[in-house]
Amino acid sequence: MEKTNNYWTDSNNNKWNCDLYTKEQAEKYSKSLVNCHGCIDCRDCSSCSYCSGCSYCSSCSFCLYCRDCRSCRDCRDCSFCSGCSYCRGCREFKSNPERITSKKIGSRNSQTTYYFNEEIEQIVCGCFQGTLQEFKQAIKKEHKNNEHSKDYFKWIEAVESYKKLTNKTK
């Protein structure tokens, strides 16, 4: 364990912030990581790479502040997820949610994702996170009736049609 750029760094390039962790804590957490590489401030994970602030995860990559996740990629603030990608804040879900992701749309020219199961729904679009109804209201407020609004509502219509066809309503 050596100190590099204000991080305690182990032989697998896992790091712990020196302002938050003592060398002894960093060594302890380093021993708790099994086959992890390039992670920052993580503990009790296995086979993860380039995650930050995660614990008890396995086979995840580029995740932030996740807990007990498995095989996730680029997820943030998740708990007990499995195989998610680009997920954010889905700890409200007790089971892995279904997801419908848009093509690149809107003023951000980026994807929007609708997560849902029998108990709960959530839309994530940029910094927006809320229900489908809240998302509709946010679109109307932000975009009025411009081209972005039309694209979002066309996608929402497809989401609602899918839910009706598959009987996947809350």
Protein backbone atom coordinates (compact mmCIF):
# COMPACT_ATOMS: atom_id res chain seq x y z
CA MET A 1 0.00 0.00 0.00
CA GLU A 2 1.50 3.31 -1.02
CA LYS A 3 0.34 6.90 -1.02
CA THR A 4 -0.10 8.41 -4.49
CA ASN A 5 -1.88 11.70 -5.29
CA ASN A 6 -3.67 11.73 -1.91
CA TYR A 7 -4.89 8.12 -2.32
CA TRP A 8 -3.79 4.93 -0.63
CA THR A 9 -3.18 2.64 -3.62
CA ASP A 10 -2.87 -1.16 -3.58
CA SER A 11 -1.17 -3.47 -6.09
CA ASN A 12 -4.38 -3.73 -8.21
CA ASN A 13 -4.61 0.07 -8.49
CA ASN A 14 -7.60 0.18 -6.12
CA LYS A 15 -7.56 3.46 -4.20
CA TRP A 16 -8.86 5.00 -0.97
CA ASN A 17 -8.97 8.74 -0.39
CA CYS A 18 -6.38 9.72 2.25
CA ASP A 19 -8.71 12.42 3.59
CA LEU A 20 -11.34 9.77 4.40
CA TYR A 21 -9.33 6.63 5.23
CA THR A 22 -6.26 5.85 7.27
CA LYS A 23 -3.60 3.59 5.81
CA GLU A 24 -4.81 0.81 8.11
CA GLN A 25 -8.42 1.19 6.88
CA ALA A 26 -7.25 1.19 3.26
CA GLU A 27 -5.25 -2.00 3.86
CA LYS A 28 -8.27 -3.64 5.50
CA TYR A 29 -10.58 -2.69 2.60
CA SER A 30 -7.96 -3.74 0.07
CA LYS A 31 -7.97 -7.23 1.59
CA SER A 32 -11.79 -7.28 1.33
CA LEU A 33 -11.65 -6.78 -2.46
CA VAL A 34 -11.28 -9.99 -4.43
CA ASN A 35 -10.00 -9.66 -8.00
CA CYS A 36 -11.03 -5.97 -8.24
CA HIS A 37 -9.06 -3.44 -10.31
CA GLY A 38 -9.07 0.36 -10.45
CA CYS A 39 -11.83 0.83 -7.86
CA ILE A 40 -11.99 3.86 -5.56
CA ASP A 41 -13.21 3.82 -1.93
CA CYS A 42 -14.84 0.37 -2.34
CA ARG A 43 -14.99 -2.57 0.06
CA ASP A 44 -16.14 -6.18 0.22
CA CYS A 45 -16.52 -6.50 -3.58
CA SER A 46 -15.34 -9.18 -6.00
CA SER A 47 -14.34 -9.06 -9.66
CA CYS A 48 -15.31 -5.37 -10.06
CA SER A 49 -13.44 -2.76 -12.06
CA TYR A 50 -13.35 1.03 -11.98
CA CYS A 51 -16.22 1.36 -9.48
CA SER A 52 -16.38 4.07 -6.84
CA GLY A 53 -17.82 3.95 -3.32
CA CYS A 54 -19.42 0.52 -3.81
CA SER A 55 -19.72 -2.34 -1.33
CA TYR A 56 -20.66 -6.02 -1.46
CA CYS A 57 -20.91 -5.94 -5.29
CA SER A 58 -19.72 -8.60 -7.71
CA SER A 59 -18.61 -8.39 -11.36
CA CYS A 60 -19.63 -4.72 -11.75
CA SER A 61 -17.85 -2.03 -13.76
CA PHE A 62 -17.83 1.77 -13.67
CA CYS A 63 -20.56 1.90 -10.98
CA LEU A 64 -20.93 4.59 -8.31
CA TYR A 65 -22.12 4.10 -4.70
CA CYS A 66 -23.89 0.78 -5.36
CA ARG A 67 -24.61 -1.93 -2.77
CA ASP A 68 -25.03 -5.69 -3.22
CA CYS A 69 -25.25 -5.46 -7.04
CA ARG A 70 -24.26 -8.17 -9.51
CA SER A 71 -22.90 -7.76 -13.05
CA CYS A 72 -24.01 -4.11 -13.39
CA ARG A 73 -22.42 -1.51 -15.66
CA ASP A 74 -22.34 2.28 -15.27
CA CYS A 75 -24.99 2.22 -12.52
CA ARG A 76 -25.36 4.79 -9.73
CA ASP A 77 -26.83 4.60 -6.23
CA CYS A 78 -28.36 1.16 -6.81
CA SER A 79 -28.99 -1.67 -4.36
CA PHE A 80 -29.53 -5.37 -4.95
CA CYS A 81 -29.58 -4.94 -8.76
CA SER A 82 -28.53 -7.57 -11.24
CA GLY A 83 -27.31 -6.93 -14.76
CA CYS A 84 -28.48 -3.30 -14.92
CA SER A 85 -26.89 -0.77 -17.25
CA TYR A 86 -26.95 2.99 -16.77
CA CYS A 87 -29.37 2.55 -13.86
CA ARG A 88 -29.73 5.34 -11.27
CA GLY A 89 -31.35 5.26 -7.88
CA CYS A 90 -33.29 2.07 -8.36
CA ARG A 91 -32.99 1.00 -4.72
CA GLU A 92 -36.77 1.51 -4.40
CA PHE A 93 -37.23 -1.65 -6.46
CA LYS A 94 -37.34 -4.86 -4.44
CA SER A 95 -36.72 -6.90 -7.59
CA ASN A 96 -34.84 -6.18 -10.78
CA PRO A 97 -37.14 -3.90 -12.81
CA GLU A 98 -37.97 -4.17 -16.48
CA ARG A 99 -36.73 -1.25 -18.53
CA ILE A 100 -37.60 0.44 -21.76
CA THR A 101 -34.95 2.73 -23.18
CA SER A 102 -35.54 5.33 -25.89
CA LYS A 103 -33.35 6.06 -28.83
CA LYS A 104 -31.45 9.33 -28.48
CA ILE A 105 -34.15 11.99 -28.14
CA GLY A 106 -34.80 15.40 -26.59
CA SER A 107 -32.70 18.51 -26.17
CA ARG A 108 -29.89 16.40 -24.67
CA ASN A 109 -29.93 14.00 -27.65
CA SER A 110 -29.62 11.17 -25.17
CA GLN A 111 -31.49 8.10 -24.02
CA THR A 112 -34.36 8.14 -21.53
CA THR A 113 -35.14 5.01 -19.53
CA TYR A 114 -38.41 3.86 -17.96
CA TYR A 115 -37.93 1.32 -15.13
CA PHE A 116 -40.96 -0.57 -13.83
CA ASN A 117 -42.34 -3.65 -12.17
CA GLU A 118 -45.67 -4.53 -10.54
CA GLU A 119 -44.97 -2.25 -7.54
CA ILE A 120 -43.26 0.91 -8.78
CA GLU A 121 -42.26 2.90 -11.86
CA GLN A 122 -39.49 5.40 -12.51
CA ILE A 123 -38.29 7.51 -15.43
CA VAL A 124 -34.67 8.63 -15.61
CA CYS A 125 -33.85 11.33 -18.15
CA GLY A 126 -30.71 13.36 -17.53
CA CYS A 127 -31.06 14.77 -14.02
CA PHE A 128 -34.84 14.08 -13.99
CA GLN A 129 -36.00 11.12 -11.93
CA GLY A 130 -39.70 10.54 -11.22
CA THR A 131 -42.92 8.86 -12.32
CA LEU A 132 -44.27 8.79 -15.85
CA GLN A 133 -46.91 11.39 -14.92
CA GLU A 134 -44.28 13.69 -13.36
CA PHE A 135 -42.16 13.31 -16.50
CA LYS A 136 -45.08 14.36 -18.72
CA GLN A 137 -45.55 17.49 -16.60
CA ALA A 138 -41.82 18.28 -16.73
CA ILE A 139 -41.80 17.94 -20.53
CA LYS A 140 -44.77 20.29 -20.89
CA LYS A 141 -43.13 22.84 -18.60
CA GLU A 142 -39.69 22.65 -20.23
CA HIS A 143 -40.51 22.11 -23.91
CA LYS A 144 -44.10 23.36 -24.29
CA ASN A 145 -45.04 21.98 -27.73
CA ASN A 146 -41.67 22.00 -29.52
CA GLU A 147 -40.05 19.17 -31.47
CA HIS A 148 -38.40 17.71 -28.34
CA SER A 149 -41.78 17.57 -26.59
CA LYS A 150 -43.26 15.72 -29.57
CA ASP A 151 -40.39 13.19 -29.56
CA TYR A 152 -40.74 12.54 -25.83
CA PHE A 153 -44.52 12.12 -26.02
CA LYS A 154 -44.22 9.79 -29.01
CA TRP A 155 -41.86 7.62 -26.97
CA ILE A 156 -44.16 7.79 -23.90
CA GLU A 157 -47.05 6.65 -26.08
CA ALA A 158 -44.99 3.60 -27.11
CA VAL A 159 -44.17 2.87 -23.44
CA GLU A 160 -47.85 3.10 -22.45
CA SER A 161 -48.86 0.87 -25.39
CA TYR A 162 -46.31 -1.74 -24.34
CA LYS A 163 -47.61 -1.68 -20.77
CA LYS A 164 -51.20 -2.16 -21.96
CA LEU A 165 -50.29 -4.94 -24.39
CA THR A 166 -48.34 -6.86 -21.79
CA ASN A 167 -50.72 -6.01 -18.94
CA LYS A 168 -47.79 -4.54 -16.98
CA THR A 169 -49.62 -1.70 -15.27
CA LYS A 170 -49.04 -0.65 -11.69
